Amino acid sequence: MGNQQMLTATVHREEDWYIAQCLEIDVASQGRTIREALGNVREAVELYLAEVAEPERGRH
């Protein structure tokens, strides 16, 4: 992997789901547990940052 960057996430509960949101970029995800929500938002952030780094890759 290349550069690592520290980002901040908040987690809150909405009914049966935990919602994790990255504060530095507008990315959020959810999970049934806090751990799952944080793992899902990490994956979503990684995908988002990969798309920003290579915007042409995702276009057809």
PDB file of N, CA and C in Angstrom:
ATOM      1  N   MET A   1       0.828  -1.184   0.000  1.00  0.00           N
ATOM      2  CA  MET A   1       0.000   0.000   0.000  1.00  0.00           C
ATOM      3  C   MET A   1       0.864   1.235   0.000  1.00  0.00           C
ATOM      4  N   GLY A   2       0.322   2.335  -0.478  1.00  0.00           N
ATOM      5  CA  GLY A   2       1.040   3.587  -0.535  1.00  0.00           C
ATOM      6  C   GLY A   2       0.957   4.356   0.759  1.00  0.00           C
ATOM      7  N   ASN A   3       0.645   5.614   0.631  1.00  0.00           N
ATOM      8  CA  ASN A   3       0.546   6.480   1.808  1.00  0.00           C
ATOM      9  C   ASN A   3      -0.634   6.088   2.676  1.00  0.00           C
ATOM     10  N   GLN A   4      -0.410   6.127   3.975  1.00  0.00           N
ATOM     11  CA  GLN A   4      -1.508   5.915   4.900  1.00  0.00           C
ATOM     12  C   GLN A   4      -1.928   7.262   5.467  1.00  0.00           C
ATOM     13  N   GLN A   5      -3.204   7.428   5.644  1.00  0.00           N
ATOM     14  CA  GLN A   5      -3.754   8.676   6.147  1.00  0.00           C
ATOM     15  C   GLN A   5      -4.695   8.355   7.296  1.00  0.00           C
ATOM     16  N   MET A   6      -4.632   9.142   8.347  1.00  0.00           N
ATOM     17  CA  MET A   6      -5.519   8.943   9.489  1.00  0.00           C
ATOM     18  C   MET A   6      -6.789   9.764   9.249  1.00  0.00           C
ATOM     19  N   LEU A   7      -7.925   9.088   9.274  1.00  0.00           N
ATOM     20  CA  LEU A   7      -9.219   9.744   9.123  1.00  0.00           C
ATOM     21  C   LEU A   7     -10.056   9.430  10.359  1.00  0.00           C
ATOM     22  N   THR A   8     -11.049  10.270  10.598  1.00  0.00           N
ATOM     23  CA  THR A   8     -11.901  10.139  11.768  1.00  0.00           C
ATOM     24  C   THR A   8     -13.281   9.650  11.359  1.00  0.00           C
ATOM     25  N   ALA A   9     -13.836   8.728  12.146  1.00  0.00           N
ATOM     26  CA  ALA A   9     -15.200   8.257  11.900  1.00  0.00           C
ATOM     27  C   ALA A   9     -16.008   8.407  13.183  1.00  0.00           C
ATOM     28  N   THR A  10     -17.259   8.739  13.006  1.00  0.00           N
ATOM     29  CA  THR A  10     -18.204   8.733  14.127  1.00  0.00           C
ATOM     30  C   THR A  10     -19.158   7.568  13.909  1.00  0.00           C
ATOM     31  N   VAL A  11     -19.701   7.077  15.004  1.00  0.00           N
ATOM     32  CA  VAL A  11     -20.665   5.977  14.926  1.00  0.00           C
ATOM     33  C   VAL A  11     -21.863   6.345  15.789  1.00  0.00           C
ATOM     34  N   HIS A  12     -23.045   6.174  15.228  1.00  0.00           N
ATOM     35  CA  HIS A  12     -24.256   6.345  16.021  1.00  0.00           C
ATOM     36  C   HIS A  12     -25.240   5.242  15.648  1.00  0.00           C
ATOM     37  N   ARG A  13     -26.198   5.048  16.503  1.00  0.00           N
ATOM     38  CA  ARG A  13     -27.168   3.972  16.308  1.00  0.00           C
ATOM     39  C   ARG A  13     -28.488   4.547  15.809  1.00  0.00           C
ATOM     40  N   GLU A  14     -29.044   3.863  14.812  1.00  0.00           N
ATOM     41  CA  GLU A  14     -30.382   4.166  14.309  1.00  0.00           C
ATOM     42  C   GLU A  14     -31.148   2.853  14.284  1.00  0.00           C
ATOM     43  N   GLU A  15     -32.043   2.698  15.225  1.00  0.00           N
ATOM     44  CA  GLU A  15     -32.820   1.469  15.407  1.00  0.00           C
ATOM     45  C   GLU A  15     -31.877   0.272  15.526  1.00  0.00           C
ATOM     46  N   ASP A  16     -31.907  -0.678  14.589  1.00  0.00           N
ATOM     47  CA  ASP A  16     -31.094  -1.888  14.683  1.00  0.00           C
ATOM     48  C   ASP A  16     -29.730  -1.766  14.012  1.00  0.00           C
ATOM     49  N   TRP A  17     -29.398  -0.601  13.481  1.00  0.00           N
ATOM     50  CA  TRP A  17     -28.165  -0.421  12.715  1.00  0.00           C
ATOM     51  C   TRP A  17     -27.234   0.587  13.383  1.00  0.00           C
ATOM     52  N   TYR A  18     -25.943   0.353  13.209  1.00  0.00           N
ATOM     53  CA  TYR A  18     -24.924   1.342  13.574  1.00  0.00           C
ATOM     54  C   TYR A  18     -24.485   2.021  12.288  1.00  0.00           C
ATOM     55  N   ILE A  19     -24.447   3.339  12.322  1.00  0.00           N
ATOM     56  CA  ILE A  19     -24.048   4.130  11.163  1.00  0.00           C
ATOM     57  C   ILE A  19     -22.677   4.737  11.450  1.00  0.00           C
ATOM     58  N   ALA A  20     -21.719   4.472  10.564  1.00  0.00           N
ATOM     59  CA  ALA A  20     -20.375   5.031  10.693  1.00  0.00           C
ATOM     60  C   ALA A  20     -20.180   6.034   9.564  1.00  0.00           C
ATOM     61  N   GLN A  21     -19.671   7.209   9.905  1.00  0.00           N
ATOM     62  CA  GLN A  21     -19.462   8.256   8.914  1.00  0.00           C
ATOM     63  C   GLN A  21     -18.062   8.821   9.057  1.00  0.00           C
ATOM     64  N   CYS A  22     -17.366   8.931   7.932  1.00  0.00           N
ATOM     65  CA  CYS A  22     -16.053   9.552   7.914  1.00  0.00           C
ATOM     66  C   CYS A  22     -16.251  11.065   7.950  1.00  0.00           C
ATOM     67  N   LEU A  23     -15.590  11.727   8.872  1.00  0.00           N
ATOM     68  CA  LEU A  23     -15.794  13.166   9.046  1.00  0.00           C
ATOM     69  C   LEU A  23     -15.061  14.009   8.010  1.00  0.00           C
ATOM     70  N   GLU A  24     -13.939  13.523   7.503  1.00  0.00           N
ATOM     71  CA  GLU A  24     -13.145  14.315   6.570  1.00  0.00           C
ATOM     72  C   GLU A  24     -13.684  14.284   5.144  1.00  0.00           C
ATOM     73  N   ILE A  25     -14.328  13.192   4.782  1.00  0.00           N
ATOM     74  CA  ILE A  25     -14.951  13.094   3.453  1.00  0.00           C
ATOM     75  C   ILE A  25     -16.378  12.597   3.640  1.00  0.00           C
ATOM     76  N   ASP A  26     -17.225  12.861   2.688  1.00  0.00           N
ATOM     77  CA  ASP A  26     -18.648  12.539   2.827  1.00  0.00           C
ATOM     78  C   ASP A  26     -18.901  11.083   2.434  1.00  0.00           C
ATOM     79  N   VAL A  27     -18.499  10.157   3.314  1.00  0.00           N
ATOM     80  CA  VAL A  27     -18.696   8.732   3.088  1.00  0.00           C
ATOM     81  C   VAL A  27     -19.257   8.134   4.372  1.00  0.00           C
ATOM     82  N   ALA A  28     -20.272   7.297   4.224  1.00  0.00           N
ATOM     83  CA  ALA A  28     -20.867   6.634   5.382  1.00  0.00           C
ATOM     84  C   ALA A  28     -21.233   5.210   5.002  1.00  0.00           C
ATOM     85  N   SER A  29     -21.390   4.370   6.019  1.00  0.00           N
ATOM     86  CA  SER A  29     -21.842   3.006   5.824  1.00  0.00           C
ATOM     87  C   SER A  29     -22.532   2.544   7.104  1.00  0.00           C
ATOM     88  N   GLN A  30     -23.011   1.320   7.103  1.00  0.00           N
ATOM     89  CA  GLN A  30     -23.745   0.817   8.259  1.00  0.00           C
ATOM     90  C   GLN A  30     -23.380  -0.619   8.526  1.00  0.00           C
ATOM     91  N   GLY A  31     -23.765  -1.103   9.692  1.00  0.00           N
ATOM     92  CA  GLY A  31     -23.559  -2.493  10.065  1.00  0.00           C
ATOM     93  C   GLY A  31     -24.422  -2.843  11.255  1.00  0.00           C
ATOM     94  N   ARG A  32     -24.567  -4.112  11.516  1.00  0.00           N
ATOM     95  CA  ARG A  32     -25.352  -4.573  12.663  1.00  0.00           C
ATOM     96  C   ARG A  32     -24.610  -4.395  13.972  1.00  0.00           C
ATOM     97  N   THR A  33     -23.265  -4.296  13.899  1.00  0.00           N
ATOM     98  CA  THR A  33     -22.433  -4.050  15.077  1.00  0.00           C
ATOM     99  C   THR A  33     -21.538  -2.842  14.792  1.00  0.00           C
ATOM    100  N   ILE A  34     -20.943  -2.288  15.852  1.00  0.00           N
ATOM    101  CA  ILE A  34     -20.020  -1.169  15.663  1.00  0.00           C
ATOM    102  C   ILE A  34     -18.839  -1.622  14.815  1.00  0.00           C
ATOM    103  N   ARG A  35     -18.301  -2.788  15.131  1.00  0.00           N
ATOM    104  CA  ARG A  35     -17.153  -3.308  14.369  1.00  0.00           C
ATOM    105  C   ARG A  35     -17.488  -3.458  12.884  1.00  0.00           C
ATOM    106  N   GLU A  36     -18.653  -3.998  12.587  1.00  0.00           N
ATOM    107  CA  GLU A  36     -19.072  -4.181  11.196  1.00  0.00           C
ATOM    108  C   GLU A  36     -19.239  -2.824  10.502  1.00  0.00           C
ATOM    109  N   ALA A  37     -19.863  -1.869  11.182  1.00  0.00           N
ATOM    110  CA  ALA A  37     -20.060  -0.537  10.599  1.00  0.00           C
ATOM    111  C   ALA A  37     -18.719   0.130  10.303  1.00  0.00           C
ATOM    112  N   LEU A  38     -17.764   0.028  11.243  1.00  0.00           N
ATOM    113  CA  LEU A  38     -16.446   0.623  11.017  1.00  0.00           C
ATOM    114  C   LEU A  38     -15.699  -0.077   9.885  1.00  0.00           C
ATOM    115  N   GLY A  39     -15.800  -1.380   9.809  1.00  0.00           N
ATOM    116  CA  GLY A  39     -15.180  -2.110   8.703  1.00  0.00           C
ATOM    117  C   GLY A  39     -15.781  -1.725   7.367  1.00  0.00           C
ATOM    118  N   ASN A  40     -17.103  -1.565   7.341  1.00  0.00           N
ATOM    119  CA  ASN A  40     -17.784  -1.186   6.108  1.00  0.00           C
ATOM    120  C   ASN A  40     -17.433   0.236   5.677  1.00  0.00           C
ATOM    121  N   VAL A  41     -17.335   1.160   6.628  1.00  0.00           N
ATOM    122  CA  VAL A  41     -16.993   2.530   6.246  1.00  0.00           C
ATOM    123  C   VAL A  41     -15.535   2.600   5.802  1.00  0.00           C
ATOM    124  N   ARG A  42     -14.671   1.795   6.417  1.00  0.00           N
ATOM    125  CA  ARG A  42     -13.268   1.751   5.973  1.00  0.00           C
ATOM    126  C   ARG A  42     -13.194   1.310   4.510  1.00  0.00           C
ATOM    127  N   GLU A  43     -13.930   0.256   4.185  1.00  0.00           N
ATOM    128  CA  GLU A  43     -13.941  -0.235   2.806  1.00  0.00           C
ATOM    129  C   GLU A  43     -14.513   0.823   1.854  1.00  0.00           C
ATOM    130  N   ALA A  44     -15.586   1.478   2.268  1.00  0.00           N
ATOM    131  CA  ALA A  44     -16.197   2.514   1.430  1.00  0.00           C
ATOM    132  C   ALA A  44     -15.234   3.681   1.203  1.00  0.00           C
ATOM    133  N   VAL A  45     -14.508   4.080   2.238  1.00  0.00           N
ATOM    134  CA  VAL A  45     -13.531   5.167   2.110  1.00  0.00           C
ATOM    135  C   VAL A  45     -12.412   4.746   1.162  1.00  0.00           C
ATOM    136  N   GLU A  46     -11.915   3.522   1.305  1.00  0.00           N
ATOM    137  CA  GLU A  46     -10.855   3.037   0.419  1.00  0.00           C
ATOM    138  C   GLU A  46     -11.309   3.040  -1.034  1.00  0.00           C
ATOM    139  N   LEU A  47     -12.531   2.591  -1.293  1.00  0.00           N
ATOM    140  CA  LEU A  47     -13.060   2.603  -2.657  1.00  0.00           C
ATOM    141  C   LEU A  47     -13.218   4.030  -3.178  1.00  0.00           C
ATOM    142  N   TYR A  48     -13.719   4.903  -2.337  1.00  0.00           N
ATOM    143  CA  TYR A  48     -13.878   6.306  -2.720  1.00  0.00           C
ATOM    144  C   TYR A  48     -12.532   6.933  -3.073  1.00  0.00           C
ATOM    145  N   LEU A  49     -11.544   6.740  -2.206  1.00  0.00           N
ATOM    146  CA  LEU A  49     -10.223   7.340  -2.452  1.00  0.00           C
ATOM    147  C   LEU A  49      -9.555   6.749  -3.688  1.00  0.00           C
ATOM    148  N   ALA A  50      -9.773   5.458  -3.954  1.00  0.00           N
ATOM    149  CA  ALA A  50      -9.235   4.847  -5.164  1.00  0.00           C
ATOM    150  C   ALA A  50      -9.873   5.476  -6.401  1.00  0.00           C
ATOM    151  N   GLU A  51     -11.159   5.750  -6.328  1.00  0.00           N
ATOM    152  CA  GLU A  51     -11.860   6.374  -7.456  1.00  0.00           C
ATOM    153  C   GLU A  51     -11.378   7.807  -7.674  1.00  0.00           C
ATOM    154  N   VAL A  52     -11.145   8.527  -6.606  1.00  0.00           N
ATOM    155  CA  VAL A  52     -10.663   9.906  -6.717  1.00  0.00           C
ATOM    156  C   VAL A  52      -9.258   9.914  -7.328  1.00  0.00           C
ATOM    157  N   ALA A  53      -8.439   8.942  -6.942  1.00  0.00           N
ATOM    158  CA  ALA A  53      -7.069   8.865  -7.448  1.00  0.00           C
ATOM    159  C   ALA A  53      -7.033   8.474  -8.925  1.00  0.00           C
ATOM    160  N   GLU A  54      -7.994   7.658  -9.369  1.00  0.00           N
ATOM    161  CA  GLU A  54      -8.050   7.203 -10.757  1.00  0.00           C
ATOM    162  C   GLU A  54      -9.468   7.355 -11.297  1.00  0.00           C
ATOM    163  N   PRO A  55      -9.907   8.583 -11.545  1.00  0.00           N
ATOM    164  CA  PRO A  55     -11.317   8.788 -11.936  1.00  0.00           C
ATOM    165  C   PRO A  55     -11.709   8.119 -13.248  1.00  0.00           C
ATOM    166  N   GLU A  56     -10.786   7.934 -14.170  1.00  0.00           N
ATOM    167  CA  GLU A  56     -11.125   7.319 -15.469  1.00  0.00           C
ATOM    168  C   GLU A  56     -11.347   5.818 -15.353  1.00  0.00           C
ATOM    169  N   ARG A  57     -10.786   5.173 -14.328  1.00  0.00           N
ATOM    170  CA  ARG A  57     -10.875   3.738 -14.178  1.00  0.00           C
ATOM    171  C   ARG A  57     -12.320   3.254 -14.053  1.00  0.00           C
ATOM    172  N   GLY A  58     -13.150   3.995 -13.360  1.00  0.00           N
ATOM    173  CA  GLY A  58     -14.515   3.585 -13.101  1.00  0.00           C
ATOM    174  C   GLY A  58     -15.511   3.947 -14.201  1.00  0.00           C
ATOM    175  N   ARG A  59     -15.084   4.663 -15.202  1.00  0.00           N
ATOM    176  CA  ARG A  59     -15.999   5.102 -16.268  1.00  0.00           C
ATOM    177  C   ARG A  59     -16.011   4.111 -17.413  1.00  0.00           C
ATOM    178  N   HIS A  60     -17.200   3.938 -18.009  1.00  0.00           N
ATOM    179  CA  HIS A  60     -17.349   3.035 -19.171  1.00  0.00           C
ATOM    180  C   HIS A  60     -17.743   3.835 -20.366  1.00  0.00           C
TER     181      HIS A  60
END
